[in-house]
Amino acid sequence: MPGPVFPVSVKGVILHRGQAILLRNERQEWELPGGRLEPGEQPAACLHREIFEELYLDVAIGPLLDCWNYYIAAADREVVIVAYLCRLKHDLGALSFSHEHLEVGLFDLLDALDALPLPDGYRRAIRLAAGL
């Protein structure tokens, strides 16, 4: 008998001058940029595509940081989250974002992360990326 099947969401930790780039979603939570892995798509290609679609940024995909299951209560479903470290290929400039999210922000790694409505897995991935 086959086991459960979960969607996979590939996320990127983008650090810039001691801050992390986060997006606010419709559940009023902050999250890492990225999105759902499509059939036949490799995780790095998915993440590169999703970050460009959401933030209009070109990034280099680095090492795997963490992987965990996340339960989305509002949707009553579980998602497998895979987080990678990403590096900007160009200067950041002004942050823009797509219609998929409500807001984009840069948040200090030491102070701001604890006060945000941010799932623990994302917080852990950011701290791993920053060596905290």
N, C-alpha and C. Protein backbone atom coordinates (compact mmCIF):
# COMPACT_ATOMS: atom_id res chain seq x y z
N MET A 1 0.84 -1.18 0.00
CA MET A 1 0.00 0.00 0.00
C MET A 1 0.88 1.24 0.00
N PRO A 2 0.67 2.16 -0.96
CA PRO A 2 1.52 3.35 -1.01
C PRO A 2 1.31 4.26 0.19
N GLY A 3 2.36 4.97 0.55
CA GLY A 3 2.30 5.91 1.67
C GLY A 3 1.68 7.22 1.25
N PRO A 4 1.60 8.16 2.17
CA PRO A 4 1.01 9.47 1.86
C PRO A 4 1.87 10.25 0.85
N VAL A 5 1.22 11.10 0.11
CA VAL A 5 1.89 11.95 -0.86
C VAL A 5 1.70 13.40 -0.42
N PHE A 6 2.80 14.14 -0.35
CA PHE A 6 2.76 15.54 0.07
C PHE A 6 3.31 16.42 -1.04
N PRO A 7 2.73 17.61 -1.23
CA PRO A 7 3.36 18.56 -2.14
C PRO A 7 4.72 18.98 -1.57
N VAL A 8 5.63 19.35 -2.47
CA VAL A 8 6.96 19.81 -2.07
C VAL A 8 7.08 21.28 -2.43
N SER A 9 7.49 22.09 -1.46
CA SER A 9 7.73 23.52 -1.68
C SER A 9 9.21 23.80 -1.45
N VAL A 10 9.85 24.36 -2.46
CA VAL A 10 11.28 24.66 -2.38
C VAL A 10 11.44 26.14 -2.07
N LYS A 11 12.16 26.44 -0.99
CA LYS A 11 12.29 27.81 -0.49
C LYS A 11 13.75 28.24 -0.47
N GLY A 12 13.97 29.54 -0.56
CA GLY A 12 15.33 30.07 -0.57
C GLY A 12 15.56 31.08 0.54
N VAL A 13 16.67 30.94 1.20
CA VAL A 13 17.12 31.93 2.18
C VAL A 13 18.06 32.87 1.44
N ILE A 14 17.62 34.12 1.29
CA ILE A 14 18.44 35.15 0.64
C ILE A 14 18.83 36.14 1.72
N LEU A 15 20.12 36.21 2.00
CA LEU A 15 20.64 37.14 3.00
C LEU A 15 21.28 38.33 2.30
N HIS A 16 21.05 39.50 2.86
CA HIS A 16 21.62 40.73 2.29
C HIS A 16 21.99 41.68 3.42
N ARG A 17 23.28 41.87 3.62
CA ARG A 17 23.78 42.81 4.63
C ARG A 17 23.16 42.60 6.00
N GLY A 18 23.18 41.35 6.46
CA GLY A 18 22.68 41.03 7.79
C GLY A 18 21.17 40.96 7.90
N GLN A 19 20.50 40.91 6.77
CA GLN A 19 19.05 40.82 6.77
C GLN A 19 18.59 39.69 5.85
N ALA A 20 17.38 39.18 6.13
CA ALA A 20 16.78 38.13 5.32
C ALA A 20 15.58 38.72 4.57
N ILE A 21 15.40 38.30 3.33
CA ILE A 21 14.26 38.72 2.53
C ILE A 21 13.11 37.77 2.80
N LEU A 22 11.97 38.32 3.21
CA LEU A 22 10.77 37.53 3.49
C LEU A 22 9.56 38.14 2.80
N LEU A 23 8.56 37.29 2.56
CA LEU A 23 7.30 37.71 1.94
C LEU A 23 6.15 37.40 2.89
N ARG A 24 5.16 38.28 2.94
CA ARG A 24 3.98 38.04 3.78
C ARG A 24 2.89 37.43 2.90
N ASN A 25 2.32 36.32 3.37
CA ASN A 25 1.31 35.60 2.60
C ASN A 25 -0.11 35.94 3.06
N GLU A 26 -1.09 35.31 2.43
CA GLU A 26 -2.50 35.58 2.74
C GLU A 26 -2.90 35.12 4.13
N ARG A 27 -2.11 34.24 4.75
CA ARG A 27 -2.38 33.81 6.13
C ARG A 27 -1.76 34.78 7.15
N GLN A 28 -1.21 35.89 6.65
CA GLN A 28 -0.56 36.91 7.48
C GLN A 28 0.72 36.39 8.14
N GLU A 29 1.33 35.38 7.55
CA GLU A 29 2.62 34.86 8.02
C GLU A 29 3.69 35.34 7.06
N TRP A 30 4.88 35.51 7.59
CA TRP A 30 6.04 35.79 6.75
C TRP A 30 6.64 34.46 6.33
N GLU A 31 7.17 34.40 5.12
CA GLU A 31 7.75 33.16 4.62
C GLU A 31 8.92 33.45 3.70
N LEU A 32 9.69 32.41 3.46
CA LEU A 32 10.79 32.50 2.51
C LEU A 32 10.24 32.49 1.09
N PRO A 33 10.92 33.13 0.16
CA PRO A 33 10.48 33.05 -1.23
C PRO A 33 10.68 31.63 -1.77
N GLY A 34 9.85 31.27 -2.71
CA GLY A 34 9.93 29.95 -3.32
C GLY A 34 8.54 29.42 -3.55
N GLY A 35 8.46 28.17 -3.97
CA GLY A 35 7.15 27.61 -4.24
C GLY A 35 7.18 26.15 -4.61
N ARG A 36 6.06 25.72 -5.15
CA ARG A 36 5.80 24.31 -5.39
C ARG A 36 6.63 23.74 -6.54
N LEU A 37 7.19 22.58 -6.27
CA LEU A 37 7.94 21.83 -7.26
C LEU A 37 6.97 21.24 -8.27
N GLU A 38 7.22 21.47 -9.55
CA GLU A 38 6.37 20.96 -10.62
C GLU A 38 6.87 19.57 -11.05
N PRO A 39 5.99 18.73 -11.60
CA PRO A 39 6.42 17.41 -12.08
C PRO A 39 7.59 17.52 -13.05
N GLY A 40 8.61 16.71 -12.82
CA GLY A 40 9.78 16.68 -13.68
C GLY A 40 10.78 17.80 -13.46
N GLU A 41 10.47 18.73 -12.57
CA GLU A 41 11.34 19.88 -12.32
C GLU A 41 12.35 19.56 -11.21
N GLN A 42 13.57 19.96 -11.40
CA GLN A 42 14.59 19.80 -10.37
C GLN A 42 14.43 20.90 -9.32
N PRO A 43 14.73 20.60 -8.04
CA PRO A 43 14.54 21.61 -6.97
C PRO A 43 15.25 22.93 -7.23
N ALA A 44 16.49 22.90 -7.69
CA ALA A 44 17.22 24.16 -7.92
C ALA A 44 16.56 24.98 -9.03
N ALA A 45 16.12 24.33 -10.09
CA ALA A 45 15.44 25.03 -11.18
C ALA A 45 14.12 25.61 -10.70
N CYS A 46 13.40 24.87 -9.89
CA CYS A 46 12.14 25.35 -9.31
C CYS A 46 12.38 26.61 -8.49
N LEU A 47 13.38 26.57 -7.64
CA LEU A 47 13.65 27.70 -6.76
C LEU A 47 14.07 28.93 -7.55
N HIS A 48 14.93 28.74 -8.52
CA HIS A 48 15.36 29.86 -9.36
C HIS A 48 14.14 30.49 -10.04
N ARG A 49 13.26 29.68 -10.62
CA ARG A 49 12.06 30.15 -11.29
C ARG A 49 11.14 30.90 -10.32
N GLU A 50 10.88 30.29 -9.16
CA GLU A 50 9.96 30.87 -8.19
C GLU A 50 10.46 32.20 -7.64
N ILE A 51 11.75 32.30 -7.34
CA ILE A 51 12.29 33.55 -6.82
C ILE A 51 12.20 34.65 -7.88
N PHE A 52 12.45 34.29 -9.14
CA PHE A 52 12.32 35.29 -10.19
C PHE A 52 10.86 35.72 -10.35
N GLU A 53 9.92 34.77 -10.29
CA GLU A 53 8.49 35.09 -10.42
C GLU A 53 7.99 35.95 -9.26
N GLU A 54 8.47 35.68 -8.06
CA GLU A 54 7.97 36.37 -6.87
C GLU A 54 8.67 37.69 -6.58
N LEU A 55 9.99 37.74 -6.82
CA LEU A 55 10.78 38.91 -6.43
C LEU A 55 11.53 39.58 -7.58
N TYR A 56 11.47 38.99 -8.76
CA TYR A 56 12.18 39.52 -9.93
C TYR A 56 13.69 39.59 -9.68
N LEU A 57 14.20 38.64 -8.89
CA LEU A 57 15.62 38.59 -8.57
C LEU A 57 16.27 37.37 -9.23
N ASP A 58 17.51 37.54 -9.66
CA ASP A 58 18.29 36.44 -10.20
C ASP A 58 19.25 35.96 -9.11
N VAL A 59 19.13 34.70 -8.74
CA VAL A 59 19.96 34.16 -7.66
C VAL A 59 20.71 32.92 -8.10
N ALA A 60 21.82 32.67 -7.41
CA ALA A 60 22.54 31.41 -7.54
C ALA A 60 22.07 30.52 -6.39
N ILE A 61 21.71 29.30 -6.71
CA ILE A 61 21.22 28.37 -5.70
C ILE A 61 22.42 27.68 -5.06
N GLY A 62 22.49 27.76 -3.74
CA GLY A 62 23.60 27.18 -3.00
C GLY A 62 23.22 25.87 -2.34
N PRO A 63 23.85 25.57 -1.22
CA PRO A 63 23.64 24.27 -0.58
C PRO A 63 22.27 24.15 0.12
N LEU A 64 21.86 22.92 0.26
CA LEU A 64 20.65 22.58 1.01
C LEU A 64 20.88 22.94 2.48
N LEU A 65 19.91 23.63 3.07
CA LEU A 65 20.02 24.03 4.47
C LEU A 65 19.23 23.12 5.39
N ASP A 66 18.00 22.78 5.00
CA ASP A 66 17.11 22.05 5.89
C ASP A 66 15.93 21.52 5.10
N CYS A 67 15.24 20.55 5.67
CA CYS A 67 14.05 19.96 5.07
C CYS A 67 13.14 19.52 6.20
N TRP A 68 11.82 19.83 6.10
CA TRP A 68 10.90 19.47 7.17
C TRP A 68 9.48 19.40 6.63
N ASN A 69 8.60 18.78 7.37
CA ASN A 69 7.17 18.77 7.06
C ASN A 69 6.52 19.93 7.80
N TYR A 70 5.63 20.63 7.09
CA TYR A 70 4.94 21.78 7.67
C TYR A 70 3.44 21.58 7.50
N TYR A 71 2.71 21.65 8.60
CA TYR A 71 1.26 21.52 8.56
C TYR A 71 0.64 22.90 8.41
N ILE A 72 -0.14 23.08 7.34
CA ILE A 72 -0.85 24.34 7.10
C ILE A 72 -2.27 24.15 7.62
N ALA A 73 -2.54 24.71 8.79
CA ALA A 73 -3.84 24.52 9.44
C ALA A 73 -4.99 25.04 8.60
N ALA A 74 -4.82 26.21 7.98
CA ALA A 74 -5.90 26.82 7.19
C ALA A 74 -6.31 25.95 6.01
N ALA A 75 -5.38 25.17 5.50
CA ALA A 75 -5.67 24.29 4.36
C ALA A 75 -5.82 22.83 4.78
N ASP A 76 -5.56 22.54 6.05
CA ASP A 76 -5.61 21.18 6.60
C ASP A 76 -4.80 20.21 5.73
N ARG A 77 -3.54 20.61 5.48
CA ARG A 77 -2.67 19.74 4.71
C ARG A 77 -1.22 19.92 5.13
N GLU A 78 -0.45 18.93 4.79
CA GLU A 78 0.97 18.94 5.10
C GLU A 78 1.77 19.16 3.82
N VAL A 79 2.85 19.91 3.93
CA VAL A 79 3.72 20.21 2.80
C VAL A 79 5.15 19.89 3.24
N VAL A 80 5.93 19.33 2.34
CA VAL A 80 7.35 19.13 2.60
C VAL A 80 8.06 20.39 2.14
N ILE A 81 8.81 21.01 3.05
CA ILE A 81 9.56 22.23 2.74
C ILE A 81 11.04 21.86 2.62
N VAL A 82 11.65 22.32 1.54
CA VAL A 82 13.08 22.12 1.31
C VAL A 82 13.69 23.50 1.15
N ALA A 83 14.66 23.84 2.00
CA ALA A 83 15.24 25.19 2.00
C ALA A 83 16.71 25.16 1.58
N TYR A 84 17.04 26.07 0.66
CA TYR A 84 18.40 26.23 0.15
C TYR A 84 18.90 27.64 0.46
N LEU A 85 20.21 27.76 0.59
CA LEU A 85 20.84 29.07 0.66
C LEU A 85 20.93 29.61 -0.76
N CYS A 86 20.60 30.89 -0.93
CA CYS A 86 20.68 31.54 -2.24
C CYS A 86 21.55 32.78 -2.14
N ARG A 87 22.21 33.09 -3.23
CA ARG A 87 23.06 34.28 -3.29
C ARG A 87 22.59 35.15 -4.44
N LEU A 88 22.44 36.44 -4.17
CA LEU A 88 22.06 37.38 -5.23
C LEU A 88 23.16 37.46 -6.26
N LYS A 89 22.79 37.45 -7.54
CA LYS A 89 23.79 37.59 -8.61
C LYS A 89 24.10 39.05 -8.91
N HIS A 90 23.22 39.97 -8.49
CA HIS A 90 23.39 41.39 -8.75
C HIS A 90 23.05 42.17 -7.48
N ASP A 91 23.36 43.45 -7.48
CA ASP A 91 22.98 44.30 -6.34
C ASP A 91 21.48 44.24 -6.14
N LEU A 92 21.06 44.38 -4.90
CA LEU A 92 19.64 44.23 -4.57
C LEU A 92 18.77 45.33 -5.18
N GLY A 93 19.15 46.57 -5.02
CA GLY A 93 18.30 47.65 -5.51
C GLY A 93 16.99 47.68 -4.74
N ALA A 94 15.96 48.22 -5.35
CA ALA A 94 14.64 48.29 -4.71
C ALA A 94 13.96 46.93 -4.79
N LEU A 95 13.32 46.52 -3.70
CA LEU A 95 12.62 45.24 -3.68
C LEU A 95 11.24 45.38 -4.32
N SER A 96 10.94 44.49 -5.23
CA SER A 96 9.62 44.41 -5.85
C SER A 96 9.09 43.01 -5.58
N PHE A 97 7.77 42.85 -5.70
CA PHE A 97 7.20 41.53 -5.50
C PHE A 97 5.94 41.38 -6.33
N SER A 98 5.59 40.12 -6.59
CA SER A 98 4.44 39.82 -7.44
C SER A 98 3.13 39.89 -6.64
N HIS A 99 2.05 39.69 -7.34
CA HIS A 99 0.71 39.69 -6.74
C HIS A 99 0.46 38.49 -5.82
N GLU A 100 1.37 37.50 -5.82
CA GLU A 100 1.19 36.30 -5.00
C GLU A 100 1.28 36.58 -3.50
N HIS A 101 1.91 37.68 -3.14
CA HIS A 101 2.11 38.01 -1.73
C HIS A 101 1.59 39.41 -1.42
N LEU A 102 1.44 39.69 -0.14
CA LEU A 102 0.91 40.97 0.30
C LEU A 102 1.98 42.03 0.53
N GLU A 103 3.20 41.56 0.85
CA GLU A 103 4.25 42.50 1.24
C GLU A 103 5.59 41.79 1.17
N VAL A 104 6.65 42.56 0.99
CA VAL A 104 8.01 42.04 1.03
C VAL A 104 8.78 42.87 2.05
N GLY A 105 9.75 42.25 2.71
CA GLY A 105 10.53 42.99 3.68
C GLY A 105 11.91 42.41 3.89
N LEU A 106 12.80 43.25 4.39
CA LEU A 106 14.13 42.84 4.83
C LEU A 106 14.13 42.89 6.35
N PHE A 107 14.54 41.80 6.97
CA PHE A 107 14.45 41.71 8.43
C PHE A 107 15.81 41.35 9.03
N ASP A 108 16.18 42.08 10.10
CA ASP A 108 17.43 41.82 10.80
C ASP A 108 17.45 40.39 11.33
N LEU A 109 18.59 39.77 11.19
CA LEU A 109 18.72 38.36 11.58
C LEU A 109 18.65 38.16 13.09
N LEU A 110 19.16 39.09 13.85
CA LEU A 110 19.23 38.87 15.29
C LEU A 110 17.98 39.33 16.03
N ASP A 111 17.43 40.46 15.66
CA ASP A 111 16.34 41.03 16.44
C ASP A 111 14.95 40.72 15.89
N ALA A 112 14.75 40.96 14.62
CA ALA A 112 13.40 40.96 14.06
C ALA A 112 12.80 39.57 13.91
N LEU A 113 13.59 38.55 13.68
CA LEU A 113 13.03 37.22 13.38
C LEU A 113 12.17 36.68 14.51
N ASP A 114 12.55 36.92 15.75
CA ASP A 114 11.79 36.37 16.87
C ASP A 114 10.41 37.00 17.02
N ALA A 115 10.27 38.24 16.58
CA ALA A 115 9.00 38.95 16.76
C ALA A 115 8.01 38.71 15.62
N LEU A 116 8.46 38.12 14.53
CA LEU A 116 7.60 37.94 13.35
C LEU A 116 6.72 36.70 13.45
N PRO A 117 5.51 36.76 12.87
CA PRO A 117 4.73 35.54 12.68
C PRO A 117 5.38 34.76 11.52
N LEU A 118 6.34 33.93 11.87
CA LEU A 118 7.18 33.20 10.93
C LEU A 118 7.26 31.75 11.39
N PRO A 119 6.88 30.78 10.57
CA PRO A 119 6.98 29.38 10.99
C PRO A 119 8.40 29.03 11.46
N ASP A 120 8.47 28.19 12.46
CA ASP A 120 9.76 27.84 13.08
C ASP A 120 10.77 27.27 12.09
N GLY A 121 10.32 26.48 11.13
CA GLY A 121 11.24 25.90 10.15
C GLY A 121 11.94 26.97 9.33
N TYR A 122 11.22 28.01 8.94
CA TYR A 122 11.84 29.11 8.19
C TYR A 122 12.85 29.84 9.06
N ARG A 123 12.49 30.09 10.31
CA ARG A 123 13.40 30.75 11.25
C ARG A 123 14.68 29.92 11.41
N ARG A 124 14.52 28.61 11.54
CA ARG A 124 15.68 27.71 11.70
C ARG A 124 16.57 27.75 10.45
N ALA A 125 15.97 27.72 9.26
CA ALA A 125 16.74 27.75 8.01
C ALA A 125 17.52 29.05 7.88
N ILE A 126 16.91 30.17 8.26
CA ILE A 126 17.60 31.46 8.19
C ILE A 126 18.78 31.46 9.16
N ARG A 127 18.58 30.95 10.34
CA ARG A 127 19.69 30.92 11.32
C ARG A 127 20.82 29.99 10.85
N LEU A 128 20.46 28.87 10.24
CA LEU A 128 21.48 27.98 9.68
C LEU A 128 22.29 28.71 8.59
N ALA A 129 21.59 29.43 7.72
CA ALA A 129 22.26 30.15 6.64
C ALA A 129 23.20 31.23 7.18
N ALA A 130 22.79 31.86 8.25
CA ALA A 130 23.58 32.95 8.83
C ALA A 130 24.65 32.46 9.80
N GLY A 131 24.65 31.16 10.08
CA GLY A 131 25.61 30.62 11.03
C GLY A 131 25.32 31.01 12.46
N LEU A 132 24.04 31.24 12.77
CA LEU A 132 23.64 31.63 14.14
C LEU A 132 23.25 30.44 14.97
